[in-house]
Amino acid sequence: MKNLRLVDSFRRAVKGIKNAFLREYHIRVAFFLVLALFLYSLVLGLTLREWLVLVTFSSLVVCLEMINSALEKLADAVHPDWSEQVGFAKDLAAGAVLVSIGAAAAAGLPVYVLAFSRRFSVTWTYSLFVNLGLLILGIVLLFVWDFRR
């Protein structure tokens, strides 16, 4: 596996993304949410700077979710029995994903509030309530979707 050609490394990376999407439920959820946010962003007509914020934080969340999934699979393969240390490591990785989601929400909300306000010529307070409503609706739909699976 050492000293692979660049093309082979790229193929393995693409295979990893494909496997993550096909095998990991939370990765699919993350990709779906990113797609929904991108579509909403197209409607709002984000600026280049706003797109950079969106892409950076979306990528961070998806990457950490993939790392979390990889760590869980590796830990289960190395130590299939229950272990407090393995559980602790998994919890830390899941916590990192949660922190990144919080950071993405904290960075994204002002972007969407200002973009909505600019696009529809409404006050930023109205835009804040609309975007918070959309956020809450999205969270509720995620929980409903998750409980139905």
N, C-alpha and C. Protein backbone atom coordinates (compact mmCIF):
# COMPACT_ATOMS: atom_id res chain seq x y z
N MET A 1 0.81 -1.20 0.00
CA MET A 1 0.00 0.00 0.00
C MET A 1 0.85 1.26 0.00
N LYS A 2 2.09 1.17 0.42
CA LYS A 2 2.94 2.35 0.42
C LYS A 2 3.33 2.71 -0.99
N ASN A 3 3.60 3.99 -1.18
CA ASN A 3 4.09 4.53 -2.45
C ASN A 3 3.16 4.21 -3.62
N LEU A 4 1.87 4.37 -3.42
CA LEU A 4 0.93 4.19 -4.51
C LEU A 4 1.05 5.34 -5.49
N ARG A 5 0.72 5.05 -6.73
CA ARG A 5 0.66 6.13 -7.71
C ARG A 5 -0.48 7.06 -7.34
N LEU A 6 -0.39 8.28 -7.78
CA LEU A 6 -1.40 9.29 -7.46
C LEU A 6 -2.79 8.85 -7.94
N VAL A 7 -2.85 8.25 -9.11
CA VAL A 7 -4.13 7.80 -9.66
C VAL A 7 -4.73 6.73 -8.76
N ASP A 8 -3.91 5.80 -8.28
CA ASP A 8 -4.41 4.74 -7.39
C ASP A 8 -4.89 5.31 -6.06
N SER A 9 -4.17 6.26 -5.54
CA SER A 9 -4.60 6.91 -4.29
C SER A 9 -5.93 7.62 -4.48
N PHE A 10 -6.08 8.28 -5.62
CA PHE A 10 -7.33 8.98 -5.91
C PHE A 10 -8.48 7.98 -6.03
N ARG A 11 -8.25 6.85 -6.70
CA ARG A 11 -9.29 5.81 -6.84
C ARG A 11 -9.72 5.28 -5.48
N ARG A 12 -8.76 5.06 -4.60
CA ARG A 12 -9.09 4.56 -3.26
C ARG A 12 -9.89 5.61 -2.47
N ALA A 13 -9.54 6.87 -2.63
CA ALA A 13 -10.27 7.93 -1.94
C ALA A 13 -11.72 8.00 -2.43
N VAL A 14 -11.91 7.91 -3.75
CA VAL A 14 -13.26 7.93 -4.31
C VAL A 14 -14.04 6.70 -3.85
N LYS A 15 -13.36 5.55 -3.79
CA LYS A 15 -13.99 4.33 -3.29
C LYS A 15 -14.42 4.51 -1.83
N GLY A 16 -13.59 5.18 -1.05
CA GLY A 16 -13.94 5.43 0.35
C GLY A 16 -15.17 6.32 0.48
N ILE A 17 -15.25 7.36 -0.34
CA ILE A 17 -16.43 8.23 -0.31
C ILE A 17 -17.67 7.45 -0.73
N LYS A 18 -17.53 6.65 -1.78
CA LYS A 18 -18.66 5.84 -2.26
C LYS A 18 -19.12 4.85 -1.18
N ASN A 19 -18.17 4.15 -0.56
CA ASN A 19 -18.52 3.20 0.50
C ASN A 19 -19.14 3.89 1.70
N ALA A 20 -18.62 5.05 2.04
CA ALA A 20 -19.19 5.80 3.16
C ALA A 20 -20.64 6.14 2.86
N PHE A 21 -20.91 6.60 1.66
CA PHE A 21 -22.28 6.98 1.29
C PHE A 21 -23.20 5.77 1.25
N LEU A 22 -22.72 4.65 0.72
CA LEU A 22 -23.57 3.47 0.58
C LEU A 22 -23.79 2.73 1.90
N ARG A 23 -22.81 2.75 2.80
CA ARG A 23 -22.87 1.92 4.00
C ARG A 23 -23.21 2.66 5.29
N GLU A 24 -23.01 3.96 5.32
CA GLU A 24 -23.17 4.70 6.57
C GLU A 24 -24.36 5.65 6.51
N TYR A 25 -25.34 5.37 7.33
CA TYR A 25 -26.58 6.15 7.37
C TYR A 25 -26.30 7.63 7.65
N HIS A 26 -25.46 7.91 8.64
CA HIS A 26 -25.21 9.30 9.03
C HIS A 26 -24.47 10.09 7.94
N ILE A 27 -23.67 9.40 7.16
CA ILE A 27 -23.01 10.06 6.02
C ILE A 27 -24.07 10.46 4.99
N ARG A 28 -25.01 9.56 4.73
CA ARG A 28 -26.08 9.89 3.78
C ARG A 28 -26.90 11.08 4.29
N VAL A 29 -27.19 11.10 5.58
CA VAL A 29 -27.91 12.23 6.15
C VAL A 29 -27.12 13.52 5.96
N ALA A 30 -25.82 13.46 6.24
CA ALA A 30 -24.97 14.65 6.09
C ALA A 30 -24.96 15.13 4.64
N PHE A 31 -24.81 14.20 3.69
CA PHE A 31 -24.82 14.58 2.28
C PHE A 31 -26.17 15.17 1.88
N PHE A 32 -27.26 14.59 2.37
CA PHE A 32 -28.59 15.11 2.06
C PHE A 32 -28.75 16.54 2.60
N LEU A 33 -28.29 16.77 3.82
CA LEU A 33 -28.39 18.11 4.41
C LEU A 33 -27.55 19.12 3.64
N VAL A 34 -26.36 18.72 3.24
CA VAL A 34 -25.51 19.62 2.45
C VAL A 34 -26.19 19.94 1.13
N LEU A 35 -26.78 18.94 0.49
CA LEU A 35 -27.49 19.18 -0.77
C LEU A 35 -28.65 20.15 -0.56
N ALA A 36 -29.43 19.95 0.52
CA ALA A 36 -30.54 20.85 0.81
C ALA A 36 -30.04 22.28 1.05
N LEU A 37 -28.95 22.42 1.79
CA LEU A 37 -28.39 23.75 2.05
C LEU A 37 -27.87 24.39 0.77
N PHE A 38 -27.27 23.59 -0.10
CA PHE A 38 -26.78 24.14 -1.37
C PHE A 38 -27.95 24.63 -2.23
N LEU A 39 -29.04 23.88 -2.27
CA LEU A 39 -30.20 24.31 -3.04
C LEU A 39 -30.79 25.60 -2.46
N TYR A 40 -30.89 25.66 -1.13
CA TYR A 40 -31.37 26.87 -0.47
C TYR A 40 -30.43 28.04 -0.77
N SER A 41 -29.15 27.78 -0.81
CA SER A 41 -28.16 28.81 -1.10
C SER A 41 -28.31 29.33 -2.53
N LEU A 42 -28.64 28.44 -3.46
CA LEU A 42 -28.86 28.87 -4.85
C LEU A 42 -30.07 29.80 -4.93
N VAL A 43 -31.12 29.47 -4.18
CA VAL A 43 -32.31 30.33 -4.16
C VAL A 43 -31.97 31.70 -3.60
N LEU A 44 -31.14 31.72 -2.55
CA LEU A 44 -30.80 32.99 -1.91
C LEU A 44 -29.77 33.79 -2.68
N GLY A 45 -29.04 33.17 -3.58
CA GLY A 45 -28.03 33.89 -4.36
C GLY A 45 -26.87 34.35 -3.50
N LEU A 46 -26.23 33.41 -2.82
CA LEU A 46 -25.11 33.75 -1.92
C LEU A 46 -23.96 34.40 -2.68
N THR A 47 -23.22 35.23 -1.97
CA THR A 47 -21.99 35.81 -2.53
C THR A 47 -20.88 34.77 -2.48
N LEU A 48 -19.77 35.07 -3.12
CA LEU A 48 -18.63 34.15 -3.11
C LEU A 48 -18.15 33.89 -1.68
N ARG A 49 -18.06 34.92 -0.89
CA ARG A 49 -17.61 34.77 0.50
C ARG A 49 -18.58 33.88 1.29
N GLU A 50 -19.87 34.07 1.07
CA GLU A 50 -20.86 33.25 1.76
C GLU A 50 -20.77 31.78 1.32
N TRP A 51 -20.54 31.56 0.02
CA TRP A 51 -20.34 30.19 -0.47
C TRP A 51 -19.11 29.55 0.17
N LEU A 52 -18.04 30.33 0.32
CA LEU A 52 -16.83 29.79 0.94
C LEU A 52 -17.09 29.34 2.37
N VAL A 53 -17.85 30.13 3.11
CA VAL A 53 -18.21 29.75 4.49
C VAL A 53 -19.02 28.46 4.46
N LEU A 54 -20.02 28.40 3.59
CA LEU A 54 -20.87 27.22 3.49
C LEU A 54 -20.07 25.97 3.13
N VAL A 55 -19.25 26.07 2.10
CA VAL A 55 -18.48 24.91 1.65
C VAL A 55 -17.48 24.46 2.72
N THR A 56 -16.83 25.41 3.37
CA THR A 56 -15.84 25.08 4.40
C THR A 56 -16.49 24.32 5.55
N PHE A 57 -17.57 24.85 6.09
CA PHE A 57 -18.18 24.21 7.25
C PHE A 57 -18.91 22.92 6.87
N SER A 58 -19.52 22.87 5.70
CA SER A 58 -20.16 21.63 5.25
C SER A 58 -19.12 20.53 5.08
N SER A 59 -18.00 20.88 4.50
CA SER A 59 -16.92 19.90 4.31
C SER A 59 -16.39 19.42 5.65
N LEU A 60 -16.26 20.34 6.59
CA LEU A 60 -15.77 19.97 7.92
C LEU A 60 -16.69 18.94 8.57
N VAL A 61 -17.99 19.18 8.52
CA VAL A 61 -18.94 18.25 9.14
C VAL A 61 -18.88 16.89 8.45
N VAL A 62 -18.91 16.87 7.12
CA VAL A 62 -18.90 15.59 6.40
C VAL A 62 -17.59 14.85 6.65
N CYS A 63 -16.47 15.56 6.62
CA CYS A 63 -15.17 14.91 6.87
C CYS A 63 -15.09 14.33 8.27
N LEU A 64 -15.54 15.07 9.26
CA LEU A 64 -15.50 14.55 10.63
C LEU A 64 -16.45 13.37 10.80
N GLU A 65 -17.57 13.39 10.11
CA GLU A 65 -18.49 12.24 10.16
C GLU A 65 -17.83 11.01 9.53
N MET A 66 -17.10 11.21 8.45
CA MET A 66 -16.38 10.09 7.83
C MET A 66 -15.27 9.56 8.73
N ILE A 67 -14.54 10.46 9.37
CA ILE A 67 -13.49 10.05 10.31
C ILE A 67 -14.11 9.31 11.49
N ASN A 68 -15.22 9.81 11.99
CA ASN A 68 -15.92 9.15 13.09
C ASN A 68 -16.33 7.73 12.70
N SER A 69 -16.90 7.59 11.51
CA SER A 69 -17.31 6.26 11.04
C SER A 69 -16.11 5.34 10.88
N ALA A 70 -15.02 5.87 10.34
CA ALA A 70 -13.81 5.06 10.17
C ALA A 70 -13.25 4.60 11.52
N LEU A 71 -13.24 5.51 12.48
CA LEU A 71 -12.75 5.16 13.82
C LEU A 71 -13.63 4.09 14.46
N GLU A 72 -14.94 4.21 14.31
CA GLU A 72 -15.85 3.21 14.87
C GLU A 72 -15.62 1.85 14.24
N LYS A 73 -15.49 1.80 12.92
CA LYS A 73 -15.25 0.52 12.23
C LYS A 73 -13.92 -0.09 12.66
N LEU A 74 -12.89 0.73 12.73
CA LEU A 74 -11.57 0.25 13.14
C LEU A 74 -11.60 -0.25 14.57
N ALA A 75 -12.23 0.50 15.46
CA ALA A 75 -12.30 0.09 16.87
C ALA A 75 -13.07 -1.21 17.01
N ASP A 76 -14.16 -1.37 16.27
CA ASP A 76 -14.93 -2.62 16.34
C ASP A 76 -14.14 -3.80 15.79
N ALA A 77 -13.33 -3.56 14.77
CA ALA A 77 -12.52 -4.64 14.19
C ALA A 77 -11.39 -5.05 15.13
N VAL A 78 -10.77 -4.08 15.79
CA VAL A 78 -9.65 -4.37 16.68
C VAL A 78 -10.11 -4.94 18.01
N HIS A 79 -11.23 -4.41 18.49
CA HIS A 79 -11.73 -4.82 19.81
C HIS A 79 -13.24 -5.07 19.72
N PRO A 80 -13.66 -6.26 19.23
CA PRO A 80 -15.08 -6.50 19.01
C PRO A 80 -15.93 -6.54 20.29
N ASP A 81 -15.32 -6.89 21.41
CA ASP A 81 -16.06 -6.91 22.67
C ASP A 81 -16.19 -5.50 23.22
N TRP A 82 -17.19 -5.32 24.11
CA TRP A 82 -17.38 -4.01 24.70
C TRP A 82 -16.17 -3.63 25.53
N SER A 83 -15.74 -2.39 25.41
CA SER A 83 -14.61 -1.88 26.17
C SER A 83 -14.89 -0.43 26.54
N GLU A 84 -14.60 -0.09 27.77
CA GLU A 84 -14.82 1.29 28.21
C GLU A 84 -13.95 2.26 27.42
N GLN A 85 -12.68 1.88 27.16
CA GLN A 85 -11.79 2.77 26.42
C GLN A 85 -12.26 2.97 24.97
N VAL A 86 -12.71 1.88 24.34
CA VAL A 86 -13.20 1.98 22.97
C VAL A 86 -14.46 2.84 22.94
N GLY A 87 -15.34 2.64 23.90
CA GLY A 87 -16.55 3.46 23.99
C GLY A 87 -16.22 4.92 24.19
N PHE A 88 -15.22 5.19 25.02
CA PHE A 88 -14.79 6.56 25.27
C PHE A 88 -14.26 7.19 23.98
N ALA A 89 -13.44 6.45 23.23
CA ALA A 89 -12.89 6.96 21.97
C ALA A 89 -14.01 7.25 20.96
N LYS A 90 -14.99 6.34 20.89
CA LYS A 90 -16.11 6.55 19.97
C LYS A 90 -16.92 7.78 20.38
N ASP A 91 -17.14 7.94 21.67
CA ASP A 91 -17.88 9.11 22.16
C ASP A 91 -17.15 10.40 21.84
N LEU A 92 -15.82 10.40 21.98
CA LEU A 92 -15.05 11.59 21.64
C LEU A 92 -15.19 11.94 20.16
N ALA A 93 -15.10 10.93 19.31
CA ALA A 93 -15.23 11.18 17.87
C ALA A 93 -16.63 11.70 17.53
N ALA A 94 -17.65 11.12 18.14
CA ALA A 94 -19.02 11.59 17.92
C ALA A 94 -19.19 13.02 18.44
N GLY A 95 -18.54 13.31 19.56
CA GLY A 95 -18.58 14.67 20.10
C GLY A 95 -17.93 15.67 19.16
N ALA A 96 -16.86 15.26 18.49
CA ALA A 96 -16.21 16.15 17.51
C ALA A 96 -17.16 16.48 16.37
N VAL A 97 -17.93 15.48 15.93
CA VAL A 97 -18.92 15.73 14.88
C VAL A 97 -19.96 16.72 15.37
N LEU A 98 -20.44 16.53 16.59
CA LEU A 98 -21.45 17.43 17.14
C LEU A 98 -20.93 18.86 17.28
N VAL A 99 -19.69 19.01 17.72
CA VAL A 99 -19.09 20.35 17.83
C VAL A 99 -19.00 20.99 16.44
N SER A 100 -18.62 20.21 15.44
CA SER A 100 -18.53 20.78 14.08
C SER A 100 -19.90 21.19 13.55
N ILE A 101 -20.94 20.43 13.90
CA ILE A 101 -22.30 20.81 13.49
C ILE A 101 -22.69 22.12 14.16
N GLY A 102 -22.37 22.26 15.44
CA GLY A 102 -22.66 23.51 16.14
C GLY A 102 -21.92 24.68 15.53
N ALA A 103 -20.65 24.47 15.19
CA ALA A 103 -19.86 25.54 14.56
C ALA A 103 -20.43 25.89 13.19
N ALA A 104 -20.85 24.87 12.43
CA ALA A 104 -21.44 25.13 11.12
C ALA A 104 -22.74 25.91 11.24
N ALA A 105 -23.55 25.57 12.24
CA ALA A 105 -24.80 26.30 12.45
C ALA A 105 -24.52 27.73 12.88
N ALA A 106 -23.55 27.90 13.76
CA ALA A 106 -23.20 29.25 14.24
C ALA A 106 -22.65 30.12 13.12
N ALA A 107 -21.90 29.53 12.21
CA ALA A 107 -21.35 30.29 11.08
C ALA A 107 -22.38 30.46 9.98
N GLY A 108 -23.23 29.46 9.79
CA GLY A 108 -24.18 29.50 8.69
C GLY A 108 -25.40 30.37 8.93
N LEU A 109 -25.87 30.41 10.17
CA LEU A 109 -27.09 31.17 10.45
C LEU A 109 -26.96 32.64 10.06
N PRO A 110 -25.90 33.34 10.46
CA PRO A 110 -25.79 34.75 10.02
C PRO A 110 -25.70 34.89 8.50
N VAL A 111 -25.05 33.94 7.85
CA VAL A 111 -24.95 33.99 6.39
C VAL A 111 -26.33 33.90 5.77
N TYR A 112 -27.12 32.94 6.24
CA TYR A 112 -28.46 32.76 5.68
C TYR A 112 -29.41 33.89 6.06
N VAL A 113 -29.28 34.41 7.26
CA VAL A 113 -30.13 35.53 7.68
C VAL A 113 -29.88 36.74 6.79
N LEU A 114 -28.63 37.09 6.59
CA LEU A 114 -28.31 38.26 5.76
C LEU A 114 -28.66 38.03 4.30
N ALA A 115 -28.41 36.80 3.80
CA ALA A 115 -28.73 36.51 2.41
C ALA A 115 -30.24 36.53 2.16
N PHE A 116 -31.00 35.99 3.09
CA PHE A 116 -32.47 35.99 2.97
C PHE A 116 -32.99 37.43 3.00
N SER A 117 -32.45 38.20 3.94
CA SER A 117 -32.85 39.61 4.06
C SER A 117 -32.55 40.37 2.78
N ARG A 118 -31.38 40.13 2.22
CA ARG A 118 -30.96 40.80 0.99
C ARG A 118 -31.82 40.35 -0.20
N ARG A 119 -32.06 39.05 -0.30
CA ARG A 119 -32.79 38.48 -1.45
C ARG A 119 -34.24 38.91 -1.49
N PHE A 120 -34.89 38.93 -0.33
CA PHE A 120 -36.33 39.21 -0.28
C PHE A 120 -36.66 40.60 0.26
N SER A 121 -35.64 41.42 0.47
CA SER A 121 -35.81 42.80 0.93
C SER A 121 -36.69 42.89 2.18
N VAL A 122 -36.31 42.09 3.18
CA VAL A 122 -37.03 42.11 4.45
C VAL A 122 -36.03 42.48 5.55
N THR A 123 -36.54 42.81 6.72
CA THR A 123 -35.64 43.15 7.83
C THR A 123 -34.88 41.92 8.27
N TRP A 124 -33.75 42.15 8.90
CA TRP A 124 -32.94 41.01 9.35
C TRP A 124 -33.64 40.26 10.47
N THR A 125 -34.47 40.94 11.27
CA THR A 125 -35.19 40.23 12.34
C THR A 125 -36.22 39.27 11.75
N TYR A 126 -36.93 39.71 10.72
CA TYR A 126 -37.87 38.82 10.04
C TYR A 126 -37.12 37.64 9.43
N SER A 127 -36.01 37.94 8.80
CA SER A 127 -35.18 36.90 8.19
C SER A 127 -34.67 35.91 9.24
N LEU A 128 -34.30 36.44 10.40
CA LEU A 128 -33.84 35.57 11.48
C LEU A 128 -34.93 34.58 11.90
N PHE A 129 -36.15 35.09 12.08
CA PHE A 129 -37.25 34.21 12.48
C PHE A 129 -37.57 33.17 11.40
N VAL A 130 -37.53 33.57 10.15
CA VAL A 130 -37.78 32.62 9.06
C VAL A 130 -36.71 31.53 9.05
N ASN A 131 -35.45 31.93 9.15
CA ASN A 131 -34.37 30.95 9.10
C ASN A 131 -34.33 30.07 10.34
N LEU A 132 -34.63 30.64 11.51
CA LEU A 132 -34.73 29.80 12.71
C LEU A 132 -35.89 28.82 12.58
N GLY A 133 -36.99 29.27 12.00
CA GLY A 133 -38.12 28.37 11.75
C GLY A 133 -37.75 27.25 10.81
N LEU A 134 -37.01 27.58 9.75
CA LEU A 134 -36.55 26.54 8.82
C LEU A 134 -35.60 25.57 9.50
N LEU A 135 -34.73 26.09 10.37
CA LEU A 135 -33.80 25.25 11.10
C LEU A 135 -34.56 24.29 12.02
N ILE A 136 -35.51 24.81 12.76
CA ILE A 136 -36.30 23.97 13.67
C ILE A 136 -37.11 22.94 12.88
N LEU A 137 -37.71 23.36 11.78
CA LEU A 137 -38.45 22.43 10.93
C LEU A 137 -37.53 21.32 10.41
N GLY A 138 -36.33 21.70 9.99
CA GLY A 138 -35.37 20.71 9.51
C GLY A 138 -34.98 19.71 10.59
N ILE A 139 -34.77 20.19 11.81
CA ILE A 139 -34.41 19.30 12.92
C ILE A 139 -35.56 18.34 13.22
N VAL A 140 -36.78 18.87 13.26
CA VAL A 140 -37.95 18.02 13.51
C VAL A 140 -38.09 16.97 12.42
N LEU A 141 -37.95 17.37 11.16
CA LEU A 141 -38.04 16.41 10.06
C LEU A 141 -36.96 15.35 10.14
N LEU A 142 -35.75 15.74 10.55
CA LEU A 142 -34.68 14.76 10.72
C LEU A 142 -35.02 13.73 11.78
N PHE A 143 -35.56 14.20 12.91
CA PHE A 143 -35.93 13.26 13.97
C PHE A 143 -37.08 12.35 13.53
N VAL A 144 -38.06 12.90 12.84
CA VAL A 144 -39.16 12.07 12.33
C VAL A 144 -38.62 11.03 11.36
N TRP A 145 -37.75 11.47 10.44
CA TRP A 145 -37.16 10.56 9.46
C TRP A 145 -36.34 9.48 10.18
N ASP A 146 -35.59 9.87 11.19
CA ASP A 146 -34.74 8.93 11.90
C ASP A 146 -35.56 7.91 12.68
N PHE A 147 -36.65 8.35 13.30
CA PHE A 147 -37.46 7.43 14.09
C PHE A 147 -38.23 6.45 13.21
N ARG A 148 -38.45 6.80 11.95
CA ARG A 148 -39.17 5.92 11.03
C ARG A 148 -38.28 4.84 10.44
N ARG A 149 -36.99 4.97 10.59
CA ARG A 149 -36.10 3.98 9.94
C ARG A 149 -35.97 2.73 10.76
